[in-house]
Amino acid sequence: MAMQNLLKLPHPPSAVMASNDLTAIGALGAIHHAGLRVPDDISIIGFDDMSFAQLTQPPLTTVVISRIQLAITAFAALDRLIRKEETNGVDYRIPTHLIVRASTRALRNGG
């Protein structure tokens, strides 16, 4: 639904980053249903590198995040809250990296 709304805009985006791979896969379907092509008309990036992200057509570009590190960081933040420790300004960082597959391409001539 969100991708369909984006495609109805007077100037639809040239790229979309979804909150997770499953949402990105849904966006792939909406783009295909609208008669557009990924990445020729619009690039799609997912987030979390689900095991089947590389099996979509085209294979999905995605951001990898360690679920273990995410859980450790979430528990550390929760522990701080439970202990009533200062939480303002606390910076939690979780390393990520981009896996570039065929659902993205560089912009042509500024857009």
PDB file of N, CA and C in Angstrom:
ATOM      1  N   MET A   1       0.820  -1.187   0.000  1.00  0.00           N
ATOM      2  CA  MET A   1       0.000   0.000   0.000  1.00  0.00           C
ATOM      3  C   MET A   1       0.865   1.253   0.000  1.00  0.00           C
ATOM      4  N   ALA A   2       1.905   1.293   0.834  1.00  0.00           N
ATOM      5  CA  ALA A   2       2.766   2.463   0.889  1.00  0.00           C
ATOM      6  C   ALA A   2       3.472   2.678  -0.446  1.00  0.00           C
ATOM      7  N   MET A   3       3.964   1.601  -1.055  1.00  0.00           N
ATOM      8  CA  MET A   3       4.643   1.724  -2.339  1.00  0.00           C
ATOM      9  C   MET A   3       3.667   2.189  -3.406  1.00  0.00           C
ATOM     10  N   GLN A   4       2.456   1.696  -3.382  1.00  0.00           N
ATOM     11  CA  GLN A   4       1.441   2.144  -4.342  1.00  0.00           C
ATOM     12  C   GLN A   4       1.201   3.639  -4.203  1.00  0.00           C
ATOM     13  N   ASN A   5       1.146   4.138  -2.973  1.00  0.00           N
ATOM     14  CA  ASN A   5       0.955   5.570  -2.744  1.00  0.00           C
ATOM     15  C   ASN A   5       2.143   6.378  -3.250  1.00  0.00           C
ATOM     16  N   LEU A   6       3.357   5.868  -3.035  1.00  0.00           N
ATOM     17  CA  LEU A   6       4.542   6.565  -3.534  1.00  0.00           C
ATOM     18  C   LEU A   6       4.536   6.640  -5.059  1.00  0.00           C
ATOM     19  N   LEU A   7       4.088   5.567  -5.703  1.00  0.00           N
ATOM     20  CA  LEU A   7       4.076   5.536  -7.168  1.00  0.00           C
ATOM     21  C   LEU A   7       3.032   6.482  -7.756  1.00  0.00           C
ATOM     22  N   LYS A   8       2.016   6.864  -6.968  1.00  0.00           N
ATOM     23  CA  LYS A   8       0.968   7.787  -7.432  1.00  0.00           C
ATOM     24  C   LYS A   8       1.376   9.255  -7.319  1.00  0.00           C
ATOM     25  N   LEU A   9       2.508   9.531  -6.655  1.00  0.00           N
ATOM     26  CA  LEU A   9       2.956  10.914  -6.498  1.00  0.00           C
ATOM     27  C   LEU A   9       3.264  11.532  -7.852  1.00  0.00           C
ATOM     28  N   PRO A  10       3.106  12.864  -7.989  1.00  0.00           N
ATOM     29  CA  PRO A  10       3.444  13.523  -9.252  1.00  0.00           C
ATOM     30  C   PRO A  10       4.897  13.279  -9.661  1.00  0.00           C
ATOM     31  N   HIS A  11       5.788  13.203  -8.682  1.00  0.00           N
ATOM     32  CA  HIS A  11       7.200  12.911  -8.926  1.00  0.00           C
ATOM     33  C   HIS A  11       7.608  11.761  -8.011  1.00  0.00           C
ATOM     34  N   PRO A  12       7.347  10.523  -8.425  1.00  0.00           N
ATOM     35  CA  PRO A  12       7.692   9.382  -7.568  1.00  0.00           C
ATOM     36  C   PRO A  12       9.203   9.305  -7.331  1.00  0.00           C
ATOM     37  N   PRO A  13       9.607   8.698  -6.229  1.00  0.00           N
ATOM     38  CA  PRO A  13      11.044   8.613  -5.924  1.00  0.00           C
ATOM     39  C   PRO A  13      11.779   7.722  -6.921  1.00  0.00           C
ATOM     40  N   SER A  14      13.073   7.968  -7.033  1.00  0.00           N
ATOM     41  CA  SER A  14      13.898   7.113  -7.894  1.00  0.00           C
ATOM     42  C   SER A  14      14.439   5.924  -7.102  1.00  0.00           C
ATOM     43  N   ALA A  15      14.324   5.986  -5.775  1.00  0.00           N
ATOM     44  CA  ALA A  15      14.797   4.899  -4.914  1.00  0.00           C
ATOM     45  C   ALA A  15      14.013   4.911  -3.607  1.00  0.00           C
ATOM     46  N   VAL A  16      13.850   3.711  -3.029  1.00  0.00           N
ATOM     47  CA  VAL A  16      13.153   3.568  -1.752  1.00  0.00           C
ATOM     48  C   VAL A  16      13.935   2.591  -0.899  1.00  0.00           C
ATOM     49  N   MET A  17      14.103   2.940   0.382  1.00  0.00           N
ATOM     50  CA  MET A  17      14.692   2.014   1.344  1.00  0.00           C
ATOM     51  C   MET A  17      13.586   1.584   2.289  1.00  0.00           C
ATOM     52  N   ALA A  18      13.333   0.300   2.333  1.00  0.00           N
ATOM     53  CA  ALA A  18      12.274  -0.247   3.184  1.00  0.00           C
ATOM     54  C   ALA A  18      12.815  -0.537   4.580  1.00  0.00           C
ATOM     55  N   SER A  19      11.908  -0.640   5.531  1.00  0.00           N
ATOM     56  CA  SER A  19      12.301  -0.898   6.916  1.00  0.00           C
ATOM     57  C   SER A  19      12.812  -2.318   7.129  1.00  0.00           C
ATOM     58  N   ASN A  20      12.475  -3.219   6.222  1.00  0.00           N
ATOM     59  CA  ASN A  20      12.978  -4.589   6.287  1.00  0.00           C
ATOM     60  C   ASN A  20      12.848  -5.232   4.913  1.00  0.00           C
ATOM     61  N   ASP A  21      13.437  -6.391   4.740  1.00  0.00           N
ATOM     62  CA  ASP A  21      13.416  -7.058   3.437  1.00  0.00           C
ATOM     63  C   ASP A  21      12.019  -7.484   3.021  1.00  0.00           C
ATOM     64  N   LEU A  22      11.217  -7.931   3.959  1.00  0.00           N
ATOM     65  CA  LEU A  22       9.869  -8.368   3.611  1.00  0.00           C
ATOM     66  C   LEU A  22       9.052  -7.214   3.023  1.00  0.00           C
ATOM     67  N   THR A  23       9.175  -6.040   3.603  1.00  0.00           N
ATOM     68  CA  THR A  23       8.503  -4.860   3.070  1.00  0.00           C
ATOM     69  C   THR A  23       9.058  -4.508   1.689  1.00  0.00           C
ATOM     70  N   ALA A  24      10.361  -4.620   1.515  1.00  0.00           N
ATOM     71  CA  ALA A  24      10.983  -4.343   0.223  1.00  0.00           C
ATOM     72  C   ALA A  24      10.480  -5.324  -0.839  1.00  0.00           C
ATOM     73  N   ILE A  25      10.294  -6.575  -0.456  1.00  0.00           N
ATOM     74  CA  ILE A  25       9.783  -7.570  -1.391  1.00  0.00           C
ATOM     75  C   ILE A  25       8.348  -7.221  -1.798  1.00  0.00           C
ATOM     76  N   GLY A  26       7.556  -6.739  -0.843  1.00  0.00           N
ATOM     77  CA  GLY A  26       6.216  -6.265  -1.170  1.00  0.00           C
ATOM     78  C   GLY A  26       6.263  -5.090  -2.126  1.00  0.00           C
ATOM     79  N   ALA A  27       7.229  -4.190  -1.924  1.00  0.00           N
ATOM     80  CA  ALA A  27       7.398  -3.047  -2.819  1.00  0.00           C
ATOM     81  C   ALA A  27       7.786  -3.508  -4.218  1.00  0.00           C
ATOM     82  N   LEU A  28       8.622  -4.531  -4.313  1.00  0.00           N
ATOM     83  CA  LEU A  28       8.974  -5.093  -5.623  1.00  0.00           C
ATOM     84  C   LEU A  28       7.718  -5.525  -6.371  1.00  0.00           C
ATOM     85  N   GLY A  29       6.814  -6.191  -5.647  1.00  0.00           N
ATOM     86  CA  GLY A  29       5.564  -6.640  -6.260  1.00  0.00           C
ATOM     87  C   GLY A  29       4.697  -5.481  -6.709  1.00  0.00           C
ATOM     88  N   ALA A  30       4.599  -4.435  -5.890  1.00  0.00           N
ATOM     89  CA  ALA A  30       3.784  -3.266  -6.240  1.00  0.00           C
ATOM     90  C   ALA A  30       4.353  -2.560  -7.463  1.00  0.00           C
ATOM     91  N   ILE A  31       5.661  -2.471  -7.535  1.00  0.00           N
ATOM     92  CA  ILE A  31       6.305  -1.829  -8.684  1.00  0.00           C
ATOM     93  C   ILE A  31       6.044  -2.643  -9.944  1.00  0.00           C
ATOM     94  N   HIS A  32       6.200  -3.952  -9.845  1.00  0.00           N
ATOM     95  CA  HIS A  32       5.935  -4.831 -10.985  1.00  0.00           C
ATOM     96  C   HIS A  32       4.473  -4.705 -11.427  1.00  0.00           C
ATOM     97  N   HIS A  33       3.560  -4.696 -10.469  1.00  0.00           N
ATOM     98  CA  HIS A  33       2.121  -4.582 -10.764  1.00  0.00           C
ATOM     99  C   HIS A  33       1.800  -3.255 -11.469  1.00  0.00           C
ATOM    100  N   ALA A  34       2.564  -2.208 -11.157  1.00  0.00           N
ATOM    101  CA  ALA A  34       2.354  -0.898 -11.780  1.00  0.00           C
ATOM    102  C   ALA A  34       2.977  -0.810 -13.177  1.00  0.00           C
ATOM    103  N   GLY A  35       3.605  -1.904 -13.611  1.00  0.00           N
ATOM    104  CA  GLY A  35       4.207  -1.920 -14.946  1.00  0.00           C
ATOM    105  C   GLY A  35       5.583  -1.264 -15.007  1.00  0.00           C
ATOM    106  N   LEU A  36       6.196  -1.075 -13.856  1.00  0.00           N
ATOM    107  CA  LEU A  36       7.529  -0.476 -13.805  1.00  0.00           C
ATOM    108  C   LEU A  36       8.572  -1.559 -13.561  1.00  0.00           C
ATOM    109  N   ARG A  37       9.836  -1.187 -13.756  1.00  0.00           N
ATOM    110  CA  ARG A  37      10.919  -2.153 -13.603  1.00  0.00           C
ATOM    111  C   ARG A  37      11.926  -1.701 -12.550  1.00  0.00           C
ATOM    112  N   VAL A  38      12.371  -2.655 -11.753  1.00  0.00           N
ATOM    113  CA  VAL A  38      13.434  -2.455 -10.766  1.00  0.00           C
ATOM    114  C   VAL A  38      14.699  -3.040 -11.361  1.00  0.00           C
ATOM    115  N   PRO A  39      15.774  -2.326 -11.415  1.00  0.00           N
ATOM    116  CA  PRO A  39      16.058  -0.980 -10.937  1.00  0.00           C
ATOM    117  C   PRO A  39      15.930   0.098 -12.015  1.00  0.00           C
ATOM    118  N   ASP A  40      15.482  -0.252 -13.212  1.00  0.00           N
ATOM    119  CA  ASP A  40      15.448   0.728 -14.307  1.00  0.00           C
ATOM    120  C   ASP A  40      14.598   1.950 -13.976  1.00  0.00           C
ATOM    121  N   ASP A  41      13.425   1.731 -13.379  1.00  0.00           N
ATOM    122  CA  ASP A  41      12.529   2.840 -13.056  1.00  0.00           C
ATOM    123  C   ASP A  41      12.666   3.301 -11.604  1.00  0.00           C
ATOM    124  N   ILE A  42      12.946   2.369 -10.718  1.00  0.00           N
ATOM    125  CA  ILE A  42      13.070   2.695  -9.294  1.00  0.00           C
ATOM    126  C   ILE A  42      13.947   1.631  -8.620  1.00  0.00           C
ATOM    127  N   SER A  43      14.841   2.083  -7.755  1.00  0.00           N
ATOM    128  CA  SER A  43      15.706   1.176  -6.997  1.00  0.00           C
ATOM    129  C   SER A  43      15.067   0.868  -5.649  1.00  0.00           C
ATOM    130  N   ILE A  44      15.300  -0.341  -5.161  1.00  0.00           N
ATOM    131  CA  ILE A  44      14.759  -0.774  -3.866  1.00  0.00           C
ATOM    132  C   ILE A  44      15.888  -1.337  -3.008  1.00  0.00           C
ATOM    133  N   ILE A  45      15.895  -0.927  -1.733  1.00  0.00           N
ATOM    134  CA  ILE A  45      16.836  -1.468  -0.755  1.00  0.00           C
ATOM    135  C   ILE A  45      16.046  -1.977   0.442  1.00  0.00           C
ATOM    136  N   GLY A  46      16.384  -3.173   0.889  1.00  0.00           N
ATOM    137  CA  GLY A  46      15.767  -3.738   2.084  1.00  0.00           C
ATOM    138  C   GLY A  46      16.684  -3.553   3.284  1.00  0.00           C
ATOM    139  N   PHE A  47      16.295  -4.179   4.379  1.00  0.00           N
ATOM    140  CA  PHE A  47      17.080  -4.069   5.603  1.00  0.00           C
ATOM    141  C   PHE A  47      16.913  -5.355   6.391  1.00  0.00           C
ATOM    142  N   ASP A  48      17.947  -6.092   6.583  1.00  0.00           N
ATOM    143  CA  ASP A  48      18.102  -7.253   7.456  1.00  0.00           C
ATOM    144  C   ASP A  48      18.590  -8.502   6.738  1.00  0.00           C
ATOM    145  N   ASP A  49      18.699  -8.479   5.426  1.00  0.00           N
ATOM    146  CA  ASP A  49      19.232  -9.588   4.623  1.00  0.00           C
ATOM    147  C   ASP A  49      18.618 -10.938   4.964  1.00  0.00           C
ATOM    148  N   MET A  50      17.314 -11.036   4.772  1.00  0.00           N
ATOM    149  CA  MET A  50      16.635 -12.325   4.936  1.00  0.00           C
ATOM    150  C   MET A  50      17.261 -13.338   3.985  1.00  0.00           C
ATOM    151  N   SER A  51      17.212 -14.588   4.330  1.00  0.00           N
ATOM    152  CA  SER A  51      17.883 -15.620   3.537  1.00  0.00           C
ATOM    153  C   SER A  51      17.408 -15.672   2.088  1.00  0.00           C
ATOM    154  N   PHE A  52      16.157 -15.301   1.823  1.00  0.00           N
ATOM    155  CA  PHE A  52      15.680 -15.378   0.451  1.00  0.00           C
ATOM    156  C   PHE A  52      15.730 -14.044  -0.294  1.00  0.00           C
ATOM    157  N   ALA A  53      16.347 -13.012   0.286  1.00  0.00           N
ATOM    158  CA  ALA A  53      16.464 -11.708  -0.385  1.00  0.00           C
ATOM    159  C   ALA A  53      17.256 -11.825  -1.681  1.00  0.00           C
ATOM    160  N   GLN A  54      18.199 -12.731  -1.701  1.00  0.00           N
ATOM    161  CA  GLN A  54      18.995 -12.909  -2.916  1.00  0.00           C
ATOM    162  C   GLN A  54      18.258 -13.711  -3.991  1.00  0.00           C
ATOM    163  N   LEU A  55      17.102 -14.267  -3.645  1.00  0.00           N
ATOM    164  CA  LEU A  55      16.343 -15.078  -4.593  1.00  0.00           C
ATOM    165  C   LEU A  55      15.220 -14.320  -5.284  1.00  0.00           C
ATOM    166  N   THR A  56      14.968 -13.066  -4.872  1.00  0.00           N
ATOM    167  CA  THR A  56      13.920 -12.279  -5.514  1.00  0.00           C
ATOM    168  C   THR A  56      14.367 -11.910  -6.922  1.00  0.00           C
ATOM    169  N   GLN A  57      13.419 -11.418  -7.714  1.00  0.00           N
ATOM    170  CA  GLN A  57      13.752 -10.957  -9.061  1.00  0.00           C
ATOM    171  C   GLN A  57      13.430  -9.491  -9.188  1.00  0.00           C
ATOM    172  N   PRO A  58      14.409  -8.639  -9.298  1.00  0.00           N
ATOM    173  CA  PRO A  58      15.838  -8.916  -9.217  1.00  0.00           C
ATOM    174  C   PRO A  58      16.268  -9.153  -7.765  1.00  0.00           C
ATOM    175  N   PRO A  59      17.453  -9.745  -7.581  1.00  0.00           N
ATOM    176  CA  PRO A  59      17.951  -9.949  -6.216  1.00  0.00           C
ATOM    177  C   PRO A  59      18.008  -8.625  -5.455  1.00  0.00           C
ATOM    178  N   LEU A  60      17.621  -8.655  -4.190  1.00  0.00           N
ATOM    179  CA  LEU A  60      17.422  -7.458  -3.387  1.00  0.00           C
ATOM    180  C   LEU A  60      18.712  -6.940  -2.741  1.00  0.00           C
ATOM    181  N   THR A  61      19.022  -5.668  -3.001  1.00  0.00           N
ATOM    182  CA  THR A  61      20.078  -4.978  -2.271  1.00  0.00           C
ATOM    183  C   THR A  61      19.564  -4.786  -0.846  1.00  0.00           C
ATOM    184  N   THR A  62      20.419  -4.998   0.143  1.00  0.00           N
ATOM    185  CA  THR A  62      19.952  -4.949   1.520  1.00  0.00           C
ATOM    186  C   THR A  62      21.064  -4.518   2.473  1.00  0.00           C
ATOM    187  N   VAL A  63      20.666  -4.081   3.638  1.00  0.00           N
ATOM    188  CA  VAL A  63      21.606  -3.725   4.701  1.00  0.00           C
ATOM    189  C   VAL A  63      21.605  -4.866   5.706  1.00  0.00           C
ATOM    190  N   VAL A  64      22.786  -5.347   6.041  1.00  0.00           N
ATOM    191  CA  VAL A  64      22.938  -6.453   6.988  1.00  0.00           C
ATOM    192  C   VAL A  64      23.173  -5.890   8.384  1.00  0.00           C
ATOM    193  N   ILE A  65      22.479  -6.451   9.351  1.00  0.00           N
ATOM    194  CA  ILE A  65      22.681  -6.097  10.749  1.00  0.00           C
ATOM    195  C   ILE A  65      22.704  -7.397  11.549  1.00  0.00           C
ATOM    196  N   SER A  66      23.595  -7.469  12.509  1.00  0.00           N
ATOM    197  CA  SER A  66      23.685  -8.660  13.351  1.00  0.00           C
ATOM    198  C   SER A  66      22.503  -8.675  14.317  1.00  0.00           C
ATOM    199  N   ARG A  67      21.682  -9.682  14.220  1.00  0.00           N
ATOM    200  CA  ARG A  67      20.544  -9.802  15.136  1.00  0.00           C
ATOM    201  C   ARG A  67      21.008 -10.057  16.566  1.00  0.00           C
ATOM    202  N   ILE A  68      22.120 -10.739  16.689  1.00  0.00           N
ATOM    203  CA  ILE A  68      22.685 -10.977  18.027  1.00  0.00           C
ATOM    204  C   ILE A  68      23.118  -9.649  18.639  1.00  0.00           C
ATOM    205  N   GLN A  69      23.834  -8.833  17.851  1.00  0.00           N
ATOM    206  CA  GLN A  69      24.284  -7.536  18.368  1.00  0.00           C
ATOM    207  C   GLN A  69      23.094  -6.628  18.654  1.00  0.00           C
ATOM    208  N   LEU A  70      22.061  -6.701  17.824  1.00  0.00           N
ATOM    209  CA  LEU A  70      20.842  -5.919  18.057  1.00  0.00           C
ATOM    210  C   LEU A  70      20.208  -6.315  19.385  1.00  0.00           C
ATOM    211  N   ALA A  71      20.123  -7.613  19.653  1.00  0.00           N
ATOM    212  CA  ALA A  71      19.541  -8.096  20.908  1.00  0.00           C
ATOM    213  C   ALA A  71      20.389  -7.666  22.105  1.00  0.00           C
ATOM    214  N   ILE A  72      21.697  -7.789  22.005  1.00  0.00           N
ATOM    215  CA  ILE A  72      22.592  -7.390  23.096  1.00  0.00           C
ATOM    216  C   ILE A  72      22.421  -5.901  23.393  1.00  0.00           C
ATOM    217  N   THR A  73      22.352  -5.092  22.342  1.00  0.00           N
ATOM    218  CA  THR A  73      22.207  -3.645  22.513  1.00  0.00           C
ATOM    219  C   THR A  73      20.849  -3.297  23.114  1.00  0.00           C
ATOM    220  N   ALA A  74      19.804  -3.975  22.659  1.00  0.00           N
ATOM    221  CA  ALA A  74      18.467  -3.722  23.204  1.00  0.00           C
ATOM    222  C   ALA A  74      18.403  -4.080  24.693  1.00  0.00           C
ATOM    223  N   PHE A  75      18.999  -5.199  25.052  1.00  0.00           N
ATOM    224  CA  PHE A  75      19.005  -5.590  26.467  1.00  0.00           C
ATOM    225  C   PHE A  75      19.836  -4.626  27.307  1.00  0.00           C
ATOM    226  N   ALA A  76      20.925  -4.108  26.757  1.00  0.00           N
ATOM    227  CA  ALA A  76      21.743  -3.122  27.486  1.00  0.00           C
ATOM    228  C   ALA A  76      20.931  -1.851  27.729  1.00  0.00           C
ATOM    229  N   ALA A  77      20.172  -1.420  26.727  1.00  0.00           N
ATOM    230  CA  ALA A  77      19.337  -0.225  26.885  1.00  0.00           C
ATOM    231  C   ALA A  77      18.238  -0.475  27.905  1.00  0.00           C
ATOM    232  N   LEU A  78      17.624  -1.636  27.857  1.00  0.00           N
ATOM    233  CA  LEU A  78      16.581  -1.992  28.814  1.00  0.00           C
ATOM    234  C   LEU A  78      17.140  -2.060  30.237  1.00  0.00           C
ATOM    235  N   ASP A  79      18.319  -2.644  30.367  1.00  0.00           N
ATOM    236  CA  ASP A  79      18.956  -2.731  31.679  1.00  0.00           C
ATOM    237  C   ASP A  79      19.211  -1.336  32.250  1.00  0.00           C
ATOM    238  N   ARG A  80      19.636  -0.408  31.416  1.00  0.00           N
ATOM    239  CA  ARG A  80      19.853   0.980  31.859  1.00  0.00           C
ATOM    240  C   ARG A  80      18.570   1.602  32.373  1.00  0.00           C
ATOM    241  N   LEU A  81      17.469   1.336  31.656  1.00  0.00           N
ATOM    242  CA  LEU A  81      16.172   1.872  32.075  1.00  0.00           C
ATOM    243  C   LEU A  81      15.724   1.267  33.407  1.00  0.00           C
ATOM    244  N   ILE A  82      15.872  -0.048  33.543  1.00  0.00           N
ATOM    245  CA  ILE A  82      15.461  -0.731  34.773  1.00  0.00           C
ATOM    246  C   ILE A  82      16.262  -0.214  35.966  1.00  0.00           C
ATOM    247  N   ARG A  83      17.545   0.015  35.762  1.00  0.00           N
ATOM    248  CA  ARG A  83      18.409   0.516  36.838  1.00  0.00           C
ATOM    249  C   ARG A  83      18.263   2.023  37.057  1.00  0.00           C
ATOM    250  N   LYS A  84      17.402   2.631  36.246  1.00  0.00           N
ATOM    251  CA  LYS A  84      17.157   4.086  36.326  1.00  0.00           C
ATOM    252  C   LYS A  84      18.439   4.894  36.135  1.00  0.00           C
ATOM    253  N   GLU A  85      19.306   4.374  35.269  1.00  0.00           N
ATOM    254  CA  GLU A  85      20.533   5.095  34.939  1.00  0.00           C
ATOM    255  C   GLU A  85      20.203   6.158  33.889  1.00  0.00           C
ATOM    256  N   GLU A  86      21.076   7.121  33.744  1.00  0.00           N
ATOM    257  CA  GLU A  86      20.883   8.193  32.775  1.00  0.00           C
ATOM    258  C   GLU A  86      20.791   7.591  31.368  1.00  0.00           C
ATOM    259  N   THR A  87      19.762   7.992  30.633  1.00  0.00           N
ATOM    260  CA  THR A  87      19.597   7.494  29.264  1.00  0.00           C
ATOM    261  C   THR A  87      19.643   8.611  28.226  1.00  0.00           C
ATOM    262  N   ASN A  88      19.506   9.861  28.669  1.00  0.00           N
ATOM    263  CA  ASN A  88      19.594  10.979  27.728  1.00  0.00           C
ATOM    264  C   ASN A  88      21.003  11.087  27.174  1.00  0.00           C
ATOM    265  N   GLY A  89      21.105  11.147  25.876  1.00  0.00           N
ATOM    266  CA  GLY A  89      22.406  11.298  25.243  1.00  0.00           C
ATOM    267  C   GLY A  89      23.204  10.020  25.109  1.00  0.00           C
ATOM    268  N   VAL A  90      22.643   8.882  25.540  1.00  0.00           N
ATOM    269  CA  VAL A  90      23.345   7.612  25.392  1.00  0.00           C
ATOM    270  C   VAL A  90      23.279   7.209  23.921  1.00  0.00           C
ATOM    271  N   ASP A  91      24.394   6.841  23.361  1.00  0.00           N
ATOM    272  CA  ASP A  91      24.490   6.494  21.953  1.00  0.00           C
ATOM    273  C   ASP A  91      24.743   4.996  21.820  1.00  0.00           C
ATOM    274  N   TYR A  92      23.817   4.292  21.210  1.00  0.00           N
ATOM    275  CA  TYR A  92      23.978   2.857  20.964  1.00  0.00           C
ATOM    276  C   TYR A  92      24.287   2.674  19.483  1.00  0.00           C
ATOM    277  N   ARG A  93      25.315   1.952  19.175  1.00  0.00           N
ATOM    278  CA  ARG A  93      25.718   1.736  17.785  1.00  0.00           C
ATOM    279  C   ARG A  93      25.784   0.245  17.484  1.00  0.00           C
ATOM    280  N   ILE A  94      25.247  -0.083  16.328  1.00  0.00           N
ATOM    281  CA  ILE A  94      25.283  -1.465  15.856  1.00  0.00           C
ATOM    282  C   ILE A  94      25.854  -1.440  14.437  1.00  0.00           C
ATOM    283  N   PRO A  95      26.954  -2.130  14.198  1.00  0.00           N
ATOM    284  CA  PRO A  95      27.557  -2.118  12.864  1.00  0.00           C
ATOM    285  C   PRO A  95      26.617  -2.721  11.811  1.00  0.00           C
ATOM    286  N   THR A  96      26.650  -2.148  10.641  1.00  0.00           N
ATOM    287  CA  THR A  96      25.885  -2.653   9.495  1.00  0.00           C
ATOM    288  C   THR A  96      26.793  -2.644   8.276  1.00  0.00           C
ATOM    289  N   HIS A  97      26.374  -3.338   7.239  1.00  0.00           N
ATOM    290  CA  HIS A  97      27.042  -3.186   5.951  1.00  0.00           C
ATOM    291  C   HIS A  97      26.045  -3.464   4.836  1.00  0.00           C
ATOM    292  N   LEU A  98      26.325  -2.864   3.703  1.00  0.00           N
ATOM    293  CA  LEU A  98      25.449  -2.925   2.542  1.00  0.00           C
ATOM    294  C   LEU A  98      25.857  -4.066   1.629  1.00  0.00           C
ATOM    295  N   ILE A  99      24.873  -4.873   1.233  1.00  0.00           N
ATOM    296  CA  ILE A  99      25.104  -5.900   0.221  1.00  0.00           C
ATOM    297  C   ILE A  99      24.400  -5.420  -1.047  1.00  0.00           C
ATOM    298  N   VAL A 100      25.183  -5.062  -2.043  1.00  0.00           N
ATOM    299  CA  VAL A 100      24.624  -4.541  -3.284  1.00  0.00           C
ATOM    300  C   VAL A 100      24.295  -5.704  -4.219  1.00  0.00           C
ATOM    301  N   ARG A 101      23.023  -5.772  -4.577  1.00  0.00           N
ATOM    302  CA  ARG A 101      22.558  -6.754  -5.549  1.00  0.00           C
ATOM    303  C   ARG A 101      21.883  -5.993  -6.687  1.00  0.00           C
ATOM    304  N   ALA A 102      21.087  -6.645  -7.478  1.00  0.00           N
ATOM    305  CA  ALA A 102      20.583  -6.063  -8.724  1.00  0.00           C
ATOM    306  C   ALA A 102      19.353  -5.155  -8.576  1.00  0.00           C
ATOM    307  N   SER A 103      18.868  -4.906  -7.364  1.00  0.00           N
ATOM    308  CA  SER A 103      17.666  -4.058  -7.226  1.00  0.00           C
ATOM    309  C   SER A 103      17.991  -2.569  -7.141  1.00  0.00           C
ATOM    310  N   THR A 104      19.268  -2.227  -7.296  1.00  0.00           N
ATOM    311  CA  THR A 104      19.689  -0.833  -7.268  1.00  0.00           C
ATOM    312  C   THR A 104      20.598  -0.520  -8.431  1.00  0.00           C
ATOM    313  N   ARG A 105      20.623   0.750  -8.801  1.00  0.00           N
ATOM    314  CA  ARG A 105      21.550   1.214  -9.831  1.00  0.00           C
ATOM    315  C   ARG A 105      21.825   2.681  -9.577  1.00  0.00           C
ATOM    316  N   ALA A 106      22.896   3.175 -10.173  1.00  0.00           N
ATOM    317  CA  ALA A 106      23.258   4.595 -10.030  1.00  0.00           C
ATOM    318  C   ALA A 106      22.285   5.454 -10.804  1.00  0.00           C
ATOM    319  N   LEU A 107      22.094   6.674 -10.313  1.00  0.00           N
ATOM    320  CA  LEU A 107      21.244   7.644 -11.008  1.00  0.00           C
ATOM    321  C   LEU A 107      21.864   8.016 -12.345  1.00  0.00           C
ATOM    322  N   ARG A 108      21.004   8.275 -13.307  1.00  0.00           N
ATOM    323  CA  ARG A 108      21.469   8.741 -14.601  1.00  0.00           C
ATOM    324  C   ARG A 108      21.186  10.234 -14.735  1.00  0.00           C
ATOM    325  N   ASN A 109      22.153  11.017 -15.123  1.00  0.00           N
ATOM    326  CA  ASN A 109      21.979  12.447 -15.413  1.00  0.00           C
ATOM    327  C   ASN A 109      21.180  13.184 -14.358  1.00  0.00           C
ATOM    328  N   GLY A 110      21.541  13.021 -13.103  1.00  0.00           N
ATOM    329  CA  GLY A 110      20.922  13.781 -12.031  1.00  0.00           C
ATOM    330  C   GLY A 110      19.520  13.355 -11.668  1.00  0.00           C
ATOM    331  N   GLY A 111      19.051  12.227 -12.081  1.00  0.00           N
ATOM    332  CA  GLY A 111      17.743  11.821 -11.627  1.00  0.00           C
ATOM    333  C   GLY A 111      17.107  10.846 -12.488  1.00  0.00           C
TER     334      GLY A 111
END
